[in-house]
Amino acid sequence: HGGTMLVWPDAARARAAVAGCNRIERFDPEKPSDGLFRRSLVDVEVDGESAPQHALIYHQRRADAAADVQHFPRGDWLEGGGPPHQD
């Protein structure tokens, strides 16, 4: 399928990295519904691992964009020809 999963060698470095990602995405864990992006904990399949792994993803929730949502059921956005083109 596709994608990149970042892994850190210990919990302290993981917390620092997630805090950095939160700043980049302007996500505030104290106010998770305020900002442009949301963060969700999901289970992902990782090559070479027998069990799903937990991962954080950042995503947008726009109530007015339901018709514009493009789904990638197998997880590979390139499979569908890449991101939608803007006219």
N, C-alpha and C. Protein backbone atom coordinates (compact mmCIF):
# COMPACT_ATOMS: atom_id res chain seq x y z
N HIS A 1 0.86 -1.17 0.00
CA HIS A 1 0.00 0.00 0.00
C HIS A 1 0.90 1.22 0.00
N GLY A 2 0.95 2.03 0.96
CA GLY A 2 1.85 3.16 0.91
C GLY A 2 1.77 3.98 2.16
N GLY A 3 2.74 4.82 2.34
CA GLY A 3 2.75 5.69 3.49
C GLY A 3 4.05 5.55 4.25
N THR A 4 4.22 6.44 5.18
CA THR A 4 5.41 6.45 6.02
C THR A 4 4.97 6.50 7.46
N MET A 5 5.53 5.65 8.28
CA MET A 5 5.24 5.68 9.70
C MET A 5 6.54 6.04 10.41
N LEU A 6 6.50 7.11 11.17
CA LEU A 6 7.67 7.55 11.91
C LEU A 6 7.67 6.88 13.28
N VAL A 7 8.84 6.41 13.69
CA VAL A 7 8.99 5.73 14.97
C VAL A 7 10.20 6.34 15.67
N TRP A 8 10.09 6.52 17.00
CA TRP A 8 11.18 7.09 17.77
C TRP A 8 11.70 6.06 18.75
N PRO A 9 12.97 6.18 19.16
CA PRO A 9 13.59 5.15 19.99
C PRO A 9 13.08 5.08 21.43
N ASP A 10 12.42 6.13 21.90
CA ASP A 10 11.91 6.07 23.28
C ASP A 10 10.73 7.03 23.43
N ALA A 11 10.01 6.88 24.53
CA ALA A 11 8.79 7.64 24.77
C ALA A 11 9.05 9.14 24.86
N ALA A 12 10.16 9.53 25.47
CA ALA A 12 10.45 10.96 25.62
C ALA A 12 10.64 11.62 24.25
N ARG A 13 11.37 10.97 23.38
CA ARG A 13 11.58 11.53 22.04
C ARG A 13 10.28 11.52 21.23
N ALA A 14 9.47 10.49 21.43
CA ALA A 14 8.18 10.43 20.74
C ALA A 14 7.29 11.58 21.19
N ARG A 15 7.22 11.84 22.50
CA ARG A 15 6.40 12.96 23.00
C ARG A 15 6.89 14.29 22.44
N ALA A 16 8.20 14.48 22.39
CA ALA A 16 8.75 15.73 21.85
C ALA A 16 8.43 15.87 20.36
N ALA A 17 8.52 14.76 19.62
CA ALA A 17 8.22 14.80 18.19
C ALA A 17 6.74 15.08 17.95
N VAL A 18 5.86 14.45 18.73
CA VAL A 18 4.42 14.71 18.58
C VAL A 18 4.12 16.16 18.92
N ALA A 19 4.76 16.70 19.95
CA ALA A 19 4.56 18.12 20.29
C ALA A 19 4.99 19.01 19.12
N GLY A 20 6.09 18.65 18.46
CA GLY A 20 6.53 19.41 17.28
C GLY A 20 5.54 19.31 16.13
N CYS A 21 5.01 18.11 15.90
CA CYS A 21 3.98 17.94 14.86
C CYS A 21 2.73 18.74 15.21
N ASN A 22 2.36 18.74 16.48
CA ASN A 22 1.20 19.53 16.91
C ASN A 22 1.39 21.00 16.57
N ARG A 23 2.61 21.51 16.82
CA ARG A 23 2.89 22.92 16.50
C ARG A 23 2.79 23.17 15.00
N ILE A 24 3.37 22.28 14.20
CA ILE A 24 3.34 22.44 12.74
C ILE A 24 1.90 22.44 12.24
N GLU A 25 1.09 21.52 12.75
CA GLU A 25 -0.29 21.38 12.29
C GLU A 25 -1.25 22.29 13.06
N ARG A 26 -0.70 23.06 14.01
CA ARG A 26 -1.49 23.97 14.84
C ARG A 26 -2.62 23.22 15.57
N PHE A 27 -2.26 22.04 16.09
CA PHE A 27 -3.20 21.22 16.84
C PHE A 27 -2.94 21.42 18.32
N ASP A 28 -3.98 21.75 19.07
CA ASP A 28 -3.87 21.94 20.52
C ASP A 28 -4.61 20.80 21.21
N PRO A 29 -3.89 19.90 21.89
CA PRO A 29 -4.55 18.77 22.54
C PRO A 29 -5.53 19.21 23.64
N GLU A 30 -5.34 20.42 24.16
CA GLU A 30 -6.27 20.94 25.18
C GLU A 30 -7.57 21.44 24.55
N LYS A 31 -7.52 21.77 23.27
CA LYS A 31 -8.70 22.25 22.52
C LYS A 31 -8.73 21.53 21.16
N PRO A 32 -8.96 20.22 21.16
CA PRO A 32 -8.81 19.45 19.92
C PRO A 32 -9.78 19.81 18.80
N SER A 33 -10.85 20.51 19.10
CA SER A 33 -11.81 20.87 18.05
C SER A 33 -11.61 22.27 17.52
N ASP A 34 -10.62 23.01 18.07
CA ASP A 34 -10.40 24.41 17.66
C ASP A 34 -9.41 24.45 16.52
N GLY A 35 -9.01 24.58 15.75
CA GLY A 35 -7.99 24.64 14.75
C GLY A 35 -8.40 24.02 13.43
N LEU A 36 -7.55 24.15 12.50
CA LEU A 36 -7.80 23.65 11.15
C LEU A 36 -7.72 22.12 11.09
N PHE A 37 -6.80 21.55 11.85
CA PHE A 37 -6.58 20.10 11.79
C PHE A 37 -7.04 19.42 13.07
N ARG A 38 -7.44 18.17 12.91
CA ARG A 38 -7.76 17.29 14.03
C ARG A 38 -6.67 16.23 14.06
N ARG A 39 -6.59 15.54 15.17
CA ARG A 39 -5.63 14.44 15.30
C ARG A 39 -6.40 13.22 15.75
N SER A 40 -6.13 12.07 15.13
CA SER A 40 -6.80 10.84 15.49
C SER A 40 -5.79 9.73 15.70
N LEU A 41 -6.11 8.83 16.63
CA LEU A 41 -5.31 7.63 16.84
C LEU A 41 -5.94 6.53 16.00
N VAL A 42 -5.15 5.90 15.14
CA VAL A 42 -5.65 4.86 14.25
C VAL A 42 -4.72 3.64 14.34
N ASP A 43 -5.23 2.51 13.92
CA ASP A 43 -4.42 1.30 13.79
C ASP A 43 -4.01 1.17 12.34
N VAL A 44 -2.74 0.89 12.10
CA VAL A 44 -2.22 0.74 10.74
C VAL A 44 -1.50 -0.58 10.60
N GLU A 45 -1.52 -1.11 9.38
CA GLU A 45 -0.76 -2.31 9.08
C GLU A 45 0.63 -1.89 8.62
N VAL A 46 1.65 -2.51 9.20
CA VAL A 46 3.03 -2.19 8.88
C VAL A 46 3.69 -3.45 8.32
N ASP A 47 4.36 -3.30 7.17
CA ASP A 47 5.07 -4.44 6.58
C ASP A 47 6.02 -5.04 7.60
N GLY A 48 6.01 -6.35 7.71
CA GLY A 48 6.93 -7.03 8.62
C GLY A 48 6.41 -7.16 10.04
N GLU A 49 5.27 -6.56 10.34
CA GLU A 49 4.69 -6.65 11.69
C GLU A 49 3.44 -7.52 11.62
N SER A 50 3.26 -8.39 12.60
CA SER A 50 2.09 -9.28 12.56
C SER A 50 0.84 -8.61 13.10
N ALA A 51 1.00 -7.64 13.98
CA ALA A 51 -0.17 -6.97 14.58
C ALA A 51 -0.22 -5.51 14.12
N PRO A 52 -1.42 -4.94 14.03
CA PRO A 52 -1.52 -3.52 13.69
C PRO A 52 -0.79 -2.66 14.71
N GLN A 53 -0.29 -1.53 14.26
CA GLN A 53 0.43 -0.58 15.12
C GLN A 53 -0.44 0.67 15.30
N HIS A 54 -0.33 1.31 16.45
CA HIS A 54 -1.05 2.56 16.68
C HIS A 54 -0.29 3.69 16.01
N ALA A 55 -1.01 4.62 15.41
CA ALA A 55 -0.38 5.78 14.77
C ALA A 55 -1.29 6.99 14.93
N LEU A 56 -0.69 8.16 14.99
CA LEU A 56 -1.45 9.41 14.99
C LEU A 56 -1.50 9.95 13.57
N ILE A 57 -2.67 10.42 13.17
CA ILE A 57 -2.79 11.09 11.89
C ILE A 57 -3.41 12.47 12.12
N TYR A 58 -3.03 13.41 11.30
CA TYR A 58 -3.62 14.75 11.33
C TYR A 58 -4.50 14.86 10.10
N HIS A 59 -5.67 15.41 10.26
CA HIS A 59 -6.61 15.50 9.15
C HIS A 59 -7.51 16.71 9.35
N GLN A 60 -8.17 17.10 8.27
CA GLN A 60 -9.11 18.22 8.33
C GLN A 60 -10.52 17.68 8.38
N ARG A 61 -11.38 18.38 9.08
CA ARG A 61 -12.80 18.06 9.10
C ARG A 61 -13.53 19.30 8.62
N ARG A 62 -14.15 19.18 7.48
CA ARG A 62 -14.92 20.29 6.93
C ARG A 62 -16.31 19.77 6.64
N ALA A 63 -17.29 20.26 7.36
CA ALA A 63 -18.66 19.81 7.18
C ALA A 63 -19.17 20.11 5.77
N ASP A 64 -18.67 21.18 5.17
CA ASP A 64 -19.17 21.58 3.85
C ASP A 64 -18.48 20.85 2.70
N ALA A 65 -17.56 19.96 2.99
CA ALA A 65 -16.78 19.36 1.93
C ALA A 65 -17.07 17.87 1.73
N ALA A 66 -18.18 17.38 2.24
CA ALA A 66 -18.47 15.95 2.15
C ALA A 66 -18.42 15.45 0.71
N ALA A 67 -18.90 16.23 -0.24
CA ALA A 67 -18.91 15.81 -1.64
C ALA A 67 -17.50 15.81 -2.23
N ASP A 68 -16.58 16.56 -1.63
CA ASP A 68 -15.22 16.65 -2.14
C ASP A 68 -14.29 15.59 -1.57
N VAL A 69 -14.77 14.80 -0.63
CA VAL A 69 -13.92 13.83 0.04
C VAL A 69 -13.58 12.70 -0.92
N GLN A 70 -12.31 12.39 -1.00
CA GLN A 70 -11.87 11.28 -1.83
C GLN A 70 -11.36 10.21 -0.89
N HIS A 71 -11.90 9.01 -1.00
CA HIS A 71 -11.53 7.91 -0.11
C HIS A 71 -10.48 7.03 -0.77
N PHE A 72 -9.59 6.49 0.05
CA PHE A 72 -8.55 5.58 -0.41
C PHE A 72 -8.62 4.33 0.45
N PRO A 73 -9.56 3.43 0.13
CA PRO A 73 -9.80 2.28 0.99
C PRO A 73 -8.60 1.38 1.20
N ARG A 74 -7.67 1.38 0.26
CA ARG A 74 -6.47 0.57 0.44
C ARG A 74 -5.29 1.40 0.95
N GLY A 75 -5.52 2.68 1.22
CA GLY A 75 -4.51 3.51 1.84
C GLY A 75 -3.49 4.13 0.90
N ASP A 76 -3.65 3.99 -0.39
CA ASP A 76 -2.65 4.48 -1.33
C ASP A 76 -3.26 5.55 -2.22
N TRP A 77 -2.95 6.83 -1.96
CA TRP A 77 -3.56 7.90 -2.74
C TRP A 77 -3.01 7.94 -4.17
N LEU A 78 -1.83 7.35 -4.41
CA LEU A 78 -1.29 7.30 -5.77
C LEU A 78 -2.05 6.30 -6.63
N GLU A 79 -2.64 5.32 -6.00
CA GLU A 79 -3.40 4.30 -6.72
C GLU A 79 -4.54 4.93 -7.52
N GLY A 80 -5.12 5.99 -6.98
CA GLY A 80 -6.23 6.66 -7.66
C GLY A 80 -5.77 7.75 -8.60
N GLY A 81 -4.49 7.83 -8.91
CA GLY A 81 -4.00 8.82 -9.85
C GLY A 81 -3.45 10.06 -9.16
N GLY A 82 -3.31 10.03 -7.84
CA GLY A 82 -2.77 11.17 -7.11
C GLY A 82 -3.86 12.07 -6.60
N PRO A 83 -3.47 13.19 -6.03
CA PRO A 83 -4.45 14.11 -5.46
C PRO A 83 -5.33 14.71 -6.56
N PRO A 84 -6.53 15.12 -6.20
CA PRO A 84 -7.40 15.72 -7.22
C PRO A 84 -6.78 17.01 -7.74
N HIS A 85 -6.96 17.26 -9.03
CA HIS A 85 -6.42 18.48 -9.64
C HIS A 85 -7.36 19.65 -9.41
N GLN A 86 -6.79 20.80 -9.18
CA GLN A 86 -7.57 22.03 -9.02
C GLN A 86 -7.67 22.72 -10.38
N ASP A 87 -8.87 23.12 -10.76
CA ASP A 87 -9.04 23.83 -12.03
C ASP A 87 -8.95 25.32 -11.83
